[in-house]
Amino acid sequence: MAANSPGESGRKGQTAEPYTLPQWALDVLRRAVHGVSRAAWRISFRGVEHIPAEGGLVIAANHQTYFDPFWVTVPVQIPIRYLAWNEAFKWPLVGRALGLLGAWPLVLDRGNPTAYRRSLNWLRAGGAVMIFPEGERAFADAGFARFKTGAARLALEADVPVLPVTIRGGERVWPRGQRLPHAGCVEIVFHPVRRLTMLPGEDARRCAQRETEALAEVIKSAL
């Protein structure tokens, strides 16, 4: 499988994806992350039977730590790309590492046509895109920020399902405002996939807002 696409068809004329590590290297890293996380945070996974084996997929999760994208990645076999805060790409070494691991910069406070088009292309080619609808990490109380509608909008336009994911315990490991990670116990809960559909007489904007609120309730239900 090529490093820069889950499939080669339909790429001509589309927004090119920046170079990432080959998929085999990402798979090796995923297994390493699993081993380290089991030892350090006794990580466990629930609901893995809900993870699709193939096809375009939007993964939407709450956000508690910098480790979240790697934790959620562990049992997912579909090639994944991540939408990450654009400012993190400016940090020495971190920015380059993010790109190699498959992250794309996302401007949180305004629209980002490049990231959106790139995500649509990836989804339509059969890949997965992971988004944190809150747009920021939680504090130690694990409180939720208001969910943004980007995940639902992408799923609706690409006509792919959404996999809701709840991260539990991360707020005790590395919450916002804490400089370094601590010991703790982490559980990743995968919920049944949701196929988003517009109701009769409903426009895309209202549908995305309604479905975003439903996603937030599903994710919160496992905390």
N, C-alpha and C. Protein backbone atom coordinates (compact mmCIF):
# COMPACT_ATOMS: atom_id res chain seq x y z
N MET A 1 0.84 -1.19 0.00
CA MET A 1 0.00 0.00 0.00
C MET A 1 0.87 1.24 0.00
N ALA A 2 0.57 2.21 -0.83
CA ALA A 2 1.39 3.40 -0.94
C ALA A 2 1.30 4.24 0.31
N ALA A 3 2.34 5.04 0.53
CA ALA A 3 2.38 5.84 1.74
C ALA A 3 1.39 6.97 1.71
N ASN A 4 1.10 7.50 0.52
CA ASN A 4 0.35 8.74 0.44
C ASN A 4 -1.10 8.57 0.02
N SER A 5 -1.59 7.34 -0.07
CA SER A 5 -2.98 7.15 -0.47
C SER A 5 -3.47 5.77 -0.08
N PRO A 6 -4.76 5.64 0.33
CA PRO A 6 -5.32 4.32 0.58
C PRO A 6 -5.68 3.62 -0.72
N GLY A 7 -5.62 4.32 -1.79
CA GLY A 7 -5.94 3.77 -3.11
C GLY A 7 -5.45 4.72 -4.17
N GLU A 8 -5.07 4.21 -5.32
CA GLU A 8 -4.48 5.06 -6.33
C GLU A 8 -5.50 5.63 -7.30
N SER A 9 -6.71 5.08 -7.31
CA SER A 9 -7.70 5.51 -8.29
C SER A 9 -8.26 6.87 -7.93
N GLY A 10 -8.55 7.65 -8.95
CA GLY A 10 -9.25 8.91 -8.75
C GLY A 10 -8.39 10.01 -8.17
N ARG A 11 -7.05 9.88 -8.21
CA ARG A 11 -6.22 10.89 -7.58
C ARG A 11 -5.85 12.02 -8.52
N LYS A 12 -5.89 11.79 -9.79
CA LYS A 12 -5.48 12.81 -10.74
C LYS A 12 -6.34 14.05 -10.60
N GLY A 13 -5.67 15.21 -10.46
CA GLY A 13 -6.39 16.46 -10.35
C GLY A 13 -6.85 16.78 -8.96
N GLN A 14 -6.63 15.90 -7.98
CA GLN A 14 -7.07 16.15 -6.63
C GLN A 14 -5.95 16.80 -5.84
N THR A 15 -6.29 17.34 -4.66
CA THR A 15 -5.30 17.97 -3.81
C THR A 15 -4.28 16.94 -3.35
N ALA A 16 -2.99 17.18 -3.64
CA ALA A 16 -1.95 16.22 -3.31
C ALA A 16 -1.75 16.16 -1.80
N GLU A 17 -1.50 14.95 -1.31
CA GLU A 17 -1.24 14.77 0.12
C GLU A 17 0.24 14.87 0.38
N PRO A 18 0.68 15.56 1.43
CA PRO A 18 2.10 15.60 1.78
C PRO A 18 2.63 14.20 2.10
N TYR A 19 3.93 14.06 2.00
CA TYR A 19 4.55 12.77 2.23
C TYR A 19 4.38 12.32 3.68
N THR A 20 4.05 11.04 3.86
CA THR A 20 3.99 10.44 5.19
C THR A 20 4.84 9.17 5.17
N LEU A 21 5.07 8.61 6.34
CA LEU A 21 5.77 7.34 6.42
C LEU A 21 4.97 6.25 5.69
N PRO A 22 5.65 5.24 5.15
CA PRO A 22 4.93 4.13 4.51
C PRO A 22 3.99 3.46 5.51
N GLN A 23 2.94 2.83 4.99
CA GLN A 23 1.95 2.23 5.87
C GLN A 23 2.56 1.15 6.76
N TRP A 24 3.53 0.39 6.25
CA TRP A 24 4.14 -0.66 7.06
C TRP A 24 4.84 -0.05 8.28
N ALA A 25 5.48 1.12 8.08
CA ALA A 25 6.16 1.77 9.20
C ALA A 25 5.15 2.29 10.22
N LEU A 26 4.03 2.82 9.74
CA LEU A 26 2.98 3.28 10.65
C LEU A 26 2.40 2.11 11.44
N ASP A 27 2.28 0.95 10.79
CA ASP A 27 1.77 -0.24 11.49
C ASP A 27 2.73 -0.68 12.60
N VAL A 28 4.03 -0.63 12.31
CA VAL A 28 5.02 -0.98 13.33
C VAL A 28 4.93 -0.01 14.51
N LEU A 29 4.81 1.27 14.22
CA LEU A 29 4.70 2.27 15.28
C LEU A 29 3.44 2.05 16.11
N ARG A 30 2.35 1.66 15.44
CA ARG A 30 1.10 1.41 16.15
C ARG A 30 1.26 0.29 17.16
N ARG A 31 1.94 -0.77 16.76
CA ARG A 31 2.16 -1.88 17.69
C ARG A 31 3.06 -1.46 18.85
N ALA A 32 4.04 -0.61 18.55
CA ALA A 32 4.93 -0.11 19.62
C ALA A 32 4.16 0.76 20.60
N VAL A 33 3.30 1.61 20.08
CA VAL A 33 2.47 2.47 20.94
C VAL A 33 1.60 1.62 21.85
N HIS A 34 1.03 0.55 21.29
CA HIS A 34 0.18 -0.34 22.08
C HIS A 34 0.97 -0.95 23.24
N GLY A 35 2.17 -1.44 22.95
CA GLY A 35 2.98 -2.05 24.00
C GLY A 35 3.35 -1.07 25.10
N VAL A 36 3.79 0.11 24.71
CA VAL A 36 4.17 1.12 25.70
C VAL A 36 2.96 1.55 26.52
N SER A 37 1.83 1.72 25.87
CA SER A 37 0.63 2.21 26.56
C SER A 37 0.07 1.16 27.52
N ARG A 38 0.20 -0.11 27.16
CA ARG A 38 -0.23 -1.17 28.09
C ARG A 38 0.63 -1.16 29.34
N ALA A 39 1.93 -0.94 29.17
CA ALA A 39 2.83 -0.94 30.32
C ALA A 39 2.67 0.32 31.17
N ALA A 40 2.53 1.46 30.53
CA ALA A 40 2.52 2.73 31.26
C ALA A 40 1.14 3.13 31.77
N TRP A 41 0.09 2.83 31.01
CA TRP A 41 -1.25 3.31 31.38
C TRP A 41 -2.30 2.20 31.36
N ARG A 42 -1.87 0.96 31.29
CA ARG A 42 -2.80 -0.19 31.32
C ARG A 42 -3.96 0.02 30.34
N ILE A 43 -3.63 0.48 29.17
CA ILE A 43 -4.67 0.82 28.20
C ILE A 43 -5.49 -0.41 27.81
N SER A 44 -6.80 -0.21 27.66
CA SER A 44 -7.69 -1.28 27.23
C SER A 44 -8.65 -0.73 26.19
N PHE A 45 -9.23 -1.63 25.41
CA PHE A 45 -10.12 -1.23 24.32
C PHE A 45 -11.44 -1.99 24.43
N ARG A 46 -12.53 -1.26 24.28
CA ARG A 46 -13.85 -1.86 24.34
C ARG A 46 -14.64 -1.50 23.09
N GLY A 47 -15.41 -2.43 22.56
CA GLY A 47 -16.21 -2.17 21.38
C GLY A 47 -15.45 -2.24 20.07
N VAL A 48 -14.30 -2.93 20.07
CA VAL A 48 -13.51 -3.00 18.83
C VAL A 48 -14.27 -3.70 17.70
N GLU A 49 -15.29 -4.48 18.05
CA GLU A 49 -16.09 -5.13 17.00
C GLU A 49 -16.87 -4.13 16.16
N HIS A 50 -16.97 -2.90 16.64
CA HIS A 50 -17.68 -1.86 15.89
C HIS A 50 -16.81 -1.18 14.84
N ILE A 51 -15.51 -1.45 14.84
CA ILE A 51 -14.59 -0.79 13.91
C ILE A 51 -14.70 -1.43 12.53
N PRO A 52 -15.07 -0.69 11.50
CA PRO A 52 -15.13 -1.27 10.15
C PRO A 52 -13.76 -1.74 9.69
N ALA A 53 -13.74 -2.78 8.87
CA ALA A 53 -12.47 -3.32 8.37
C ALA A 53 -11.98 -2.57 7.15
N GLU A 54 -12.87 -1.86 6.47
CA GLU A 54 -12.47 -1.16 5.26
C GLU A 54 -13.50 -0.09 4.95
N GLY A 55 -13.16 0.74 3.97
CA GLY A 55 -14.07 1.78 3.52
C GLY A 55 -13.81 3.12 4.16
N GLY A 56 -14.26 4.18 3.53
CA GLY A 56 -14.13 5.53 4.08
C GLY A 56 -14.80 5.64 5.44
N LEU A 57 -14.17 6.38 6.35
CA LEU A 57 -14.68 6.45 7.72
C LEU A 57 -14.19 7.72 8.39
N VAL A 58 -15.10 8.43 9.05
CA VAL A 58 -14.73 9.55 9.91
C VAL A 58 -14.72 9.05 11.34
N ILE A 59 -13.62 9.26 12.05
CA ILE A 59 -13.50 8.88 13.46
C ILE A 59 -13.57 10.15 14.29
N ALA A 60 -14.55 10.23 15.18
CA ALA A 60 -14.75 11.41 16.02
C ALA A 60 -14.62 11.02 17.49
N ALA A 61 -13.73 11.69 18.21
CA ALA A 61 -13.47 11.35 19.61
C ALA A 61 -13.37 12.59 20.47
N ASN A 62 -13.61 12.41 21.77
CA ASN A 62 -13.28 13.49 22.71
C ASN A 62 -11.77 13.59 22.82
N HIS A 63 -11.28 14.70 23.36
CA HIS A 63 -9.84 14.98 23.32
C HIS A 63 -9.34 15.29 24.72
N GLN A 64 -8.46 14.42 25.24
CA GLN A 64 -7.95 14.59 26.60
C GLN A 64 -6.45 14.75 26.68
N THR A 65 -5.69 14.11 25.78
CA THR A 65 -4.23 14.14 25.87
C THR A 65 -3.61 14.24 24.48
N TYR A 66 -2.31 14.52 24.44
CA TYR A 66 -1.57 14.50 23.17
C TYR A 66 -1.44 13.08 22.62
N PHE A 67 -1.66 12.08 23.45
CA PHE A 67 -1.54 10.69 23.01
C PHE A 67 -2.80 10.19 22.30
N ASP A 68 -3.89 10.91 22.39
CA ASP A 68 -5.18 10.43 21.91
C ASP A 68 -5.15 9.86 20.48
N PRO A 69 -4.56 10.57 19.50
CA PRO A 69 -4.58 10.03 18.13
C PRO A 69 -3.90 8.66 18.04
N PHE A 70 -2.84 8.47 18.80
CA PHE A 70 -2.11 7.20 18.75
C PHE A 70 -2.89 6.09 19.45
N TRP A 71 -3.52 6.42 20.57
CA TRP A 71 -4.31 5.42 21.29
C TRP A 71 -5.46 4.91 20.43
N VAL A 72 -6.18 5.84 19.82
CA VAL A 72 -7.34 5.44 19.01
C VAL A 72 -6.90 4.65 17.78
N THR A 73 -5.73 4.94 17.27
CA THR A 73 -5.21 4.27 16.07
C THR A 73 -4.97 2.79 16.28
N VAL A 74 -4.60 2.37 17.48
CA VAL A 74 -4.08 1.02 17.72
C VAL A 74 -4.91 -0.09 17.06
N PRO A 75 -6.24 -0.19 17.29
CA PRO A 75 -6.99 -1.32 16.71
C PRO A 75 -7.60 -1.04 15.34
N VAL A 76 -7.37 0.15 14.77
CA VAL A 76 -7.98 0.51 13.48
C VAL A 76 -7.05 0.10 12.35
N GLN A 77 -7.55 -0.70 11.42
CA GLN A 77 -6.73 -1.21 10.33
C GLN A 77 -6.81 -0.35 9.07
N ILE A 78 -7.82 0.47 8.94
CA ILE A 78 -7.93 1.35 7.78
C ILE A 78 -6.85 2.43 7.88
N PRO A 79 -6.14 2.75 6.80
CA PRO A 79 -5.17 3.85 6.84
C PRO A 79 -5.82 5.14 7.32
N ILE A 80 -5.18 5.80 8.29
CA ILE A 80 -5.78 6.96 8.95
C ILE A 80 -4.96 8.22 8.69
N ARG A 81 -5.65 9.32 8.53
CA ARG A 81 -5.04 10.65 8.55
C ARG A 81 -5.73 11.45 9.64
N TYR A 82 -5.01 12.39 10.24
CA TYR A 82 -5.50 13.14 11.39
C TYR A 82 -5.55 14.63 11.05
N LEU A 83 -6.57 15.29 11.53
CA LEU A 83 -6.61 16.76 11.44
C LEU A 83 -6.13 17.31 12.76
N ALA A 84 -5.01 18.04 12.73
CA ALA A 84 -4.36 18.53 13.95
C ALA A 84 -4.24 20.05 13.92
N TRP A 85 -4.15 20.62 15.10
CA TRP A 85 -4.01 22.08 15.27
C TRP A 85 -2.82 22.59 14.47
N ASN A 86 -3.06 23.57 13.60
CA ASN A 86 -2.00 24.04 12.71
C ASN A 86 -0.80 24.62 13.45
N GLU A 87 -1.01 25.20 14.62
CA GLU A 87 0.10 25.79 15.36
C GLU A 87 1.12 24.74 15.80
N ALA A 88 0.66 23.50 16.03
CA ALA A 88 1.58 22.45 16.46
C ALA A 88 2.61 22.13 15.38
N PHE A 89 2.29 22.43 14.12
CA PHE A 89 3.22 22.16 13.03
C PHE A 89 4.38 23.14 13.01
N LYS A 90 4.27 24.21 13.80
CA LYS A 90 5.35 25.20 13.88
C LYS A 90 6.37 24.85 14.96
N TRP A 91 6.07 23.87 15.81
CA TRP A 91 6.98 23.51 16.89
C TRP A 91 8.17 22.74 16.32
N PRO A 92 9.39 23.02 16.80
CA PRO A 92 10.57 22.30 16.31
C PRO A 92 10.41 20.79 16.46
N LEU A 93 10.73 20.06 15.42
CA LEU A 93 10.69 18.60 15.36
C LEU A 93 9.26 18.06 15.40
N VAL A 94 8.43 18.61 16.27
CA VAL A 94 7.06 18.10 16.40
C VAL A 94 6.30 18.24 15.09
N GLY A 95 6.43 19.41 14.46
CA GLY A 95 5.70 19.64 13.23
C GLY A 95 6.06 18.65 12.14
N ARG A 96 7.36 18.38 11.99
CA ARG A 96 7.79 17.41 10.99
C ARG A 96 7.30 16.01 11.33
N ALA A 97 7.36 15.66 12.61
CA ALA A 97 6.90 14.34 13.04
C ALA A 97 5.41 14.17 12.78
N LEU A 98 4.62 15.21 13.03
CA LEU A 98 3.19 15.13 12.78
C LEU A 98 2.90 14.81 11.32
N GLY A 99 3.61 15.50 10.42
CA GLY A 99 3.41 15.26 9.01
C GLY A 99 3.77 13.85 8.61
N LEU A 100 4.87 13.34 9.11
CA LEU A 100 5.31 11.99 8.78
C LEU A 100 4.32 10.94 9.29
N LEU A 101 3.65 11.25 10.41
CA LEU A 101 2.71 10.30 11.00
C LEU A 101 1.32 10.38 10.38
N GLY A 102 1.12 11.31 9.46
CA GLY A 102 -0.15 11.37 8.76
C GLY A 102 -1.10 12.44 9.23
N ALA A 103 -0.59 13.47 9.92
CA ALA A 103 -1.45 14.57 10.37
C ALA A 103 -1.44 15.70 9.35
N TRP A 104 -2.57 16.37 9.21
CA TRP A 104 -2.70 17.52 8.35
C TRP A 104 -3.07 18.73 9.19
N PRO A 105 -2.49 19.90 8.90
CA PRO A 105 -2.78 21.10 9.71
C PRO A 105 -4.19 21.62 9.48
N LEU A 106 -4.84 21.98 10.57
CA LEU A 106 -6.19 22.52 10.53
C LEU A 106 -6.23 23.82 11.32
N VAL A 107 -6.70 24.89 10.68
CA VAL A 107 -6.88 26.16 11.36
C VAL A 107 -8.20 26.11 12.12
N LEU A 108 -8.13 26.22 13.45
CA LEU A 108 -9.32 25.98 14.27
C LEU A 108 -10.33 27.11 14.22
N ASP A 109 -9.87 28.32 14.06
CA ASP A 109 -10.76 29.47 14.22
C ASP A 109 -11.42 29.93 12.93
N ARG A 110 -11.09 29.30 11.81
CA ARG A 110 -11.73 29.69 10.56
C ARG A 110 -11.70 28.52 9.60
N GLY A 111 -12.38 28.68 8.48
CA GLY A 111 -12.42 27.62 7.50
C GLY A 111 -11.05 27.28 6.95
N ASN A 112 -10.87 26.05 6.50
CA ASN A 112 -9.59 25.60 5.97
C ASN A 112 -9.87 24.75 4.73
N PRO A 113 -10.04 25.39 3.57
CA PRO A 113 -10.44 24.65 2.37
C PRO A 113 -9.47 23.55 1.99
N THR A 114 -8.15 23.77 2.15
CA THR A 114 -7.18 22.75 1.75
C THR A 114 -7.34 21.49 2.57
N ALA A 115 -7.40 21.64 3.89
CA ALA A 115 -7.56 20.48 4.77
C ALA A 115 -8.89 19.77 4.48
N TYR A 116 -9.92 20.55 4.20
CA TYR A 116 -11.23 19.95 3.95
C TYR A 116 -11.22 19.15 2.65
N ARG A 117 -10.67 19.73 1.58
CA ARG A 117 -10.62 19.01 0.30
C ARG A 117 -9.76 17.76 0.41
N ARG A 118 -8.62 17.90 1.10
CA ARG A 118 -7.72 16.75 1.26
C ARG A 118 -8.43 15.63 2.02
N SER A 119 -9.19 15.99 3.05
CA SER A 119 -9.92 14.99 3.83
C SER A 119 -10.99 14.30 2.99
N LEU A 120 -11.72 15.07 2.20
CA LEU A 120 -12.73 14.49 1.33
C LEU A 120 -12.11 13.51 0.34
N ASN A 121 -10.99 13.88 -0.25
CA ASN A 121 -10.31 13.00 -1.19
C ASN A 121 -9.91 11.69 -0.52
N TRP A 122 -9.37 11.79 0.67
CA TRP A 122 -8.91 10.60 1.40
C TRP A 122 -10.09 9.69 1.75
N LEU A 123 -11.18 10.27 2.22
CA LEU A 123 -12.36 9.50 2.58
C LEU A 123 -12.95 8.80 1.36
N ARG A 124 -13.04 9.51 0.26
CA ARG A 124 -13.63 8.93 -0.95
C ARG A 124 -12.76 7.84 -1.55
N ALA A 125 -11.45 7.86 -1.22
CA ALA A 125 -10.54 6.81 -1.68
C ALA A 125 -10.53 5.62 -0.74
N GLY A 126 -11.34 5.67 0.33
CA GLY A 126 -11.45 4.53 1.24
C GLY A 126 -10.63 4.63 2.51
N GLY A 127 -10.08 5.80 2.82
CA GLY A 127 -9.32 5.97 4.05
C GLY A 127 -10.17 6.49 5.19
N ALA A 128 -9.55 6.59 6.36
CA ALA A 128 -10.22 7.13 7.55
C ALA A 128 -9.60 8.47 7.92
N VAL A 129 -10.42 9.38 8.40
CA VAL A 129 -9.96 10.68 8.89
C VAL A 129 -10.41 10.82 10.33
N MET A 130 -9.47 11.13 11.21
CA MET A 130 -9.77 11.29 12.63
C MET A 130 -9.85 12.76 12.99
N ILE A 131 -10.92 13.12 13.71
CA ILE A 131 -11.16 14.51 14.09
C ILE A 131 -11.54 14.56 15.56
N PHE A 132 -11.07 15.58 16.24
CA PHE A 132 -11.51 15.87 17.60
C PHE A 132 -12.46 17.06 17.51
N PRO A 133 -13.78 16.83 17.55
CA PRO A 133 -14.74 17.92 17.34
C PRO A 133 -14.63 19.06 18.34
N GLU A 134 -14.06 18.80 19.53
CA GLU A 134 -13.90 19.88 20.50
C GLU A 134 -12.84 20.89 20.05
N GLY A 135 -11.85 20.42 19.30
CA GLY A 135 -10.81 21.32 18.82
C GLY A 135 -9.76 21.67 19.85
N GLU A 136 -9.87 21.12 21.04
CA GLU A 136 -8.91 21.40 22.11
C GLU A 136 -8.97 20.29 23.14
N ARG A 137 -7.87 20.15 23.91
CA ARG A 137 -7.83 19.12 24.95
C ARG A 137 -8.64 19.55 26.17
N ALA A 138 -9.12 18.56 26.90
CA ALA A 138 -9.89 18.82 28.12
C ALA A 138 -8.96 19.14 29.28
N PHE A 139 -9.50 19.83 30.27
CA PHE A 139 -8.79 20.03 31.53
C PHE A 139 -8.96 18.79 32.40
N ALA A 140 -8.39 18.81 33.59
CA ALA A 140 -8.38 17.64 34.46
C ALA A 140 -9.77 17.19 34.89
N ASP A 141 -10.77 18.05 34.79
CA ASP A 141 -12.13 17.64 35.17
C ASP A 141 -12.84 16.88 34.06
N ALA A 142 -12.16 16.73 32.91
CA ALA A 142 -12.69 15.98 31.75
C ALA A 142 -13.93 16.62 31.15
N GLY A 143 -14.19 17.88 31.47
CA GLY A 143 -15.34 18.57 30.91
C GLY A 143 -15.25 18.71 29.40
N PHE A 144 -16.38 18.67 28.71
CA PHE A 144 -16.42 18.77 27.27
C PHE A 144 -16.48 20.22 26.82
N ALA A 145 -15.75 20.55 25.76
CA ALA A 145 -15.96 21.80 25.05
C ALA A 145 -17.07 21.57 24.02
N ARG A 146 -17.61 22.63 23.52
CA ARG A 146 -18.68 22.53 22.52
C ARG A 146 -18.14 21.87 21.25
N PHE A 147 -18.86 20.86 20.75
CA PHE A 147 -18.44 20.16 19.55
C PHE A 147 -18.67 21.02 18.31
N LYS A 148 -17.66 21.08 17.45
CA LYS A 148 -17.81 21.74 16.15
C LYS A 148 -18.37 20.74 15.15
N THR A 149 -18.88 21.24 14.03
CA THR A 149 -19.64 20.40 13.10
C THR A 149 -18.79 19.77 12.00
N GLY A 150 -17.47 19.97 12.02
CA GLY A 150 -16.62 19.51 10.92
C GLY A 150 -16.72 18.02 10.64
N ALA A 151 -16.74 17.18 11.67
CA ALA A 151 -16.80 15.74 11.47
C ALA A 151 -18.09 15.35 10.74
N ALA A 152 -19.21 15.90 11.19
CA ALA A 152 -20.49 15.58 10.55
C ALA A 152 -20.54 16.10 9.12
N ARG A 153 -20.03 17.28 8.90
CA ARG A 153 -20.03 17.85 7.54
C ARG A 153 -19.22 16.97 6.59
N LEU A 154 -18.05 16.54 7.03
CA LEU A 154 -17.23 15.67 6.19
C LEU A 154 -17.94 14.36 5.88
N ALA A 155 -18.52 13.74 6.90
CA ALA A 155 -19.20 12.46 6.71
C ALA A 155 -20.37 12.60 5.74
N LEU A 156 -21.13 13.67 5.87
CA LEU A 156 -22.27 13.88 4.99
C LEU A 156 -21.83 14.09 3.55
N GLU A 157 -20.82 14.94 3.34
CA GLU A 157 -20.40 15.25 1.98
C GLU A 157 -19.70 14.07 1.31
N ALA A 158 -18.90 13.32 2.08
CA ALA A 158 -18.20 12.16 1.52
C ALA A 158 -19.08 10.92 1.49
N ASP A 159 -20.24 10.99 2.16
CA ASP A 159 -21.17 9.85 2.25
C ASP A 159 -20.49 8.63 2.87
N VAL A 160 -19.88 8.86 4.05
CA VAL A 160 -19.24 7.78 4.80
C VAL A 160 -19.78 7.81 6.23
N PRO A 161 -19.70 6.70 6.96
CA PRO A 161 -20.18 6.67 8.34
C PRO A 161 -19.20 7.33 9.30
N VAL A 162 -19.69 7.56 10.51
CA VAL A 162 -18.88 8.12 11.59
C VAL A 162 -18.72 7.07 12.68
N LEU A 163 -17.49 6.91 13.18
CA LEU A 163 -17.22 6.02 14.30
C LEU A 163 -16.99 6.88 15.54
N PRO A 164 -17.96 6.95 16.47
CA PRO A 164 -17.75 7.73 17.70
C PRO A 164 -16.84 6.97 18.66
N VAL A 165 -15.92 7.68 19.31
CA VAL A 165 -14.98 7.07 20.23
C VAL A 165 -14.91 7.88 21.51
N THR A 166 -14.95 7.19 22.64
CA THR A 166 -14.80 7.84 23.94
C THR A 166 -13.46 7.46 24.55
N ILE A 167 -12.69 8.46 24.95
CA ILE A 167 -11.42 8.26 25.65
C ILE A 167 -11.67 8.52 27.12
N ARG A 168 -11.43 7.51 27.94
CA ARG A 168 -11.68 7.62 29.39
C ARG A 168 -10.36 7.52 30.15
N GLY A 169 -10.18 8.39 31.13
CA GLY A 169 -9.01 8.33 31.99
C GLY A 169 -7.85 9.19 31.53
N GLY A 170 -7.90 9.68 30.31
CA GLY A 170 -6.81 10.50 29.81
C GLY A 170 -6.65 11.81 30.57
N GLU A 171 -7.76 12.28 31.13
CA GLU A 171 -7.68 13.54 31.88
C GLU A 171 -6.82 13.42 33.12
N ARG A 172 -6.58 12.18 33.58
CA ARG A 172 -5.70 11.97 34.73
C ARG A 172 -4.25 11.71 34.30
N VAL A 173 -4.06 11.48 33.00
CA VAL A 173 -2.73 11.19 32.48
C VAL A 173 -2.02 12.45 31.99
N TRP A 174 -2.71 13.21 31.12
CA TRP A 174 -2.05 14.39 30.54
C TRP A 174 -3.08 15.44 30.13
N PRO A 175 -3.74 16.06 31.08
CA PRO A 175 -4.76 17.05 30.75
C PRO A 175 -4.15 18.37 30.30
N ARG A 176 -4.97 19.17 29.75
CA ARG A 176 -4.57 20.52 29.38
C ARG A 176 -4.10 21.28 30.62
N GLY A 177 -2.97 21.97 30.49
CA GLY A 177 -2.41 22.70 31.63
C GLY A 177 -1.37 21.93 32.41
N GLN A 178 -1.19 20.65 32.10
CA GLN A 178 -0.19 19.82 32.78
C GLN A 178 0.99 19.62 31.84
N ARG A 179 2.21 19.84 32.33
CA ARG A 179 3.38 19.84 31.45
C ARG A 179 3.78 18.45 30.96
N LEU A 180 3.72 17.46 31.83
CA LEU A 180 4.19 16.12 31.49
C LEU A 180 3.13 15.08 31.86
N PRO A 181 3.13 13.93 31.17
CA PRO A 181 2.14 12.90 31.49
C PRO A 181 2.40 12.24 32.82
N HIS A 182 1.32 11.77 33.45
CA HIS A 182 1.39 11.05 34.72
C HIS A 182 0.91 9.62 34.51
N ALA A 183 1.07 8.80 35.52
CA ALA A 183 0.54 7.44 35.48
C ALA A 183 -0.98 7.48 35.56
N GLY A 184 -1.61 6.43 35.09
CA GLY A 184 -3.07 6.37 35.13
C GLY A 184 -3.55 5.13 34.41
N CYS A 185 -4.86 5.02 34.27
CA CYS A 185 -5.49 3.89 33.58
C CYS A 185 -6.40 4.45 32.50
N VAL A 186 -6.22 4.00 31.26
CA VAL A 186 -6.94 4.57 30.13
C VAL A 186 -7.77 3.49 29.44
N GLU A 187 -8.97 3.84 29.07
CA GLU A 187 -9.84 2.94 28.30
C GLU A 187 -10.34 3.68 27.07
N ILE A 188 -10.30 3.01 25.92
CA ILE A 188 -10.81 3.56 24.67
C ILE A 188 -12.07 2.78 24.30
N VAL A 189 -13.18 3.49 24.17
CA VAL A 189 -14.47 2.86 23.89
C VAL A 189 -14.91 3.21 22.47
N PHE A 190 -15.11 2.20 21.65
CA PHE A 190 -15.59 2.38 20.28
C PHE A 190 -17.10 2.09 20.25
N HIS A 191 -17.86 3.06 19.79
CA HIS A 191 -19.31 2.92 19.72
C HIS A 191 -19.71 2.42 18.32
N PRO A 192 -20.95 1.94 18.17
CA PRO A 192 -21.42 1.55 16.83
C PRO A 192 -21.32 2.71 15.85
N VAL A 193 -20.98 2.40 14.60
CA VAL A 193 -20.88 3.45 13.59
C VAL A 193 -22.25 4.07 13.35
N ARG A 194 -22.23 5.32 12.94
CA ARG A 194 -23.45 6.05 12.65
C ARG A 194 -23.42 6.50 11.19
N ARG A 195 -24.47 6.21 10.46
CA ARG A 195 -24.62 6.71 9.10
C ARG A 195 -25.51 7.95 9.18
N LEU A 196 -24.94 9.10 8.89
CA LEU A 196 -25.66 10.36 9.03
C LEU A 196 -26.59 10.57 7.84
N THR A 197 -27.82 10.96 8.11
CA THR A 197 -28.79 11.18 7.05
C THR A 197 -29.57 12.47 7.32
N MET A 198 -29.94 13.12 6.24
CA MET A 198 -30.73 14.35 6.35
C MET A 198 -32.21 13.99 6.47
N LEU A 199 -32.90 14.69 7.35
CA LEU A 199 -34.33 14.50 7.51
C LEU A 199 -35.09 15.25 6.42
N PRO A 200 -36.33 14.85 6.13
CA PRO A 200 -37.11 15.57 5.12
C PRO A 200 -37.21 17.06 5.45
N GLY A 201 -36.92 17.90 4.46
CA GLY A 201 -37.01 19.34 4.65
C GLY A 201 -35.83 19.95 5.38
N GLU A 202 -34.82 19.16 5.70
CA GLU A 202 -33.67 19.64 6.47
C GLU A 202 -32.53 19.99 5.52
N ASP A 203 -31.88 21.15 5.74
CA ASP A 203 -30.72 21.48 4.91
C ASP A 203 -29.45 20.90 5.54
N ALA A 204 -28.34 20.94 4.80
CA ALA A 204 -27.09 20.31 5.23
C ALA A 204 -26.57 20.93 6.53
N ARG A 205 -26.72 22.23 6.67
CA ARG A 205 -26.20 22.90 7.86
C ARG A 205 -26.93 22.44 9.11
N ARG A 206 -28.25 22.39 9.03
CA ARG A 206 -29.03 21.97 10.19
C ARG A 206 -28.79 20.50 10.50
N CYS A 207 -28.65 19.69 9.45
CA CYS A 207 -28.39 18.27 9.66
C CYS A 207 -27.04 18.07 10.37
N ALA A 208 -26.02 18.80 9.93
CA ALA A 208 -24.70 18.68 10.55
C ALA A 208 -24.74 19.07 12.02
N GLN A 209 -25.51 20.10 12.34
CA GLN A 209 -25.61 20.53 13.74
C GLN A 209 -26.34 19.49 14.58
N ARG A 210 -27.43 18.97 14.05
CA ARG A 210 -28.21 17.95 14.78
C ARG A 210 -27.38 16.69 15.00
N GLU A 211 -26.70 16.24 13.96
CA GLU A 211 -25.90 15.03 14.07
C GLU A 211 -24.68 15.24 14.98
N THR A 212 -24.14 16.44 14.99
CA THR A 212 -23.02 16.74 15.89
C THR A 212 -23.46 16.65 17.35
N GLU A 213 -24.64 17.17 17.65
CA GLU A 213 -25.17 17.08 19.01
C GLU A 213 -25.41 15.63 19.41
N ALA A 214 -25.88 14.83 18.45
CA ALA A 214 -26.10 13.39 18.73
C ALA A 214 -24.77 12.68 18.97
N LEU A 215 -23.75 13.00 18.18
CA LEU A 215 -22.43 12.41 18.37
C LEU A 215 -21.88 12.75 19.75
N ALA A 216 -22.04 14.00 20.16
CA ALA A 216 -21.55 14.41 21.47
C ALA A 216 -22.21 13.62 22.58
N GLU A 217 -23.50 13.37 22.46
CA GLU A 217 -24.21 12.60 23.50
C GLU A 217 -23.72 11.16 23.54
N VAL A 218 -23.47 10.57 22.37
CA VAL A 218 -22.98 9.19 22.33
C VAL A 218 -21.60 9.12 23.01
N ILE A 219 -20.71 10.03 22.67
CA ILE A 219 -19.35 10.02 23.22
C ILE A 219 -19.38 10.28 24.72
N LYS A 220 -20.21 11.18 25.17
CA LYS A 220 -20.31 11.49 26.59
C LYS A 220 -20.88 10.32 27.39
N SER A 221 -21.70 9.49 26.73
CA SER A 221 -22.41 8.43 27.45
C SER A 221 -21.48 7.40 28.08
N ALA A 222 -20.24 7.30 27.59
CA ALA A 222 -19.32 6.29 28.12
C ALA A 222 -18.33 6.84 29.13
N LEU A 223 -18.44 8.11 29.45
CA LEU A 223 -17.53 8.69 30.44
C LEU A 223 -17.94 8.31 31.86
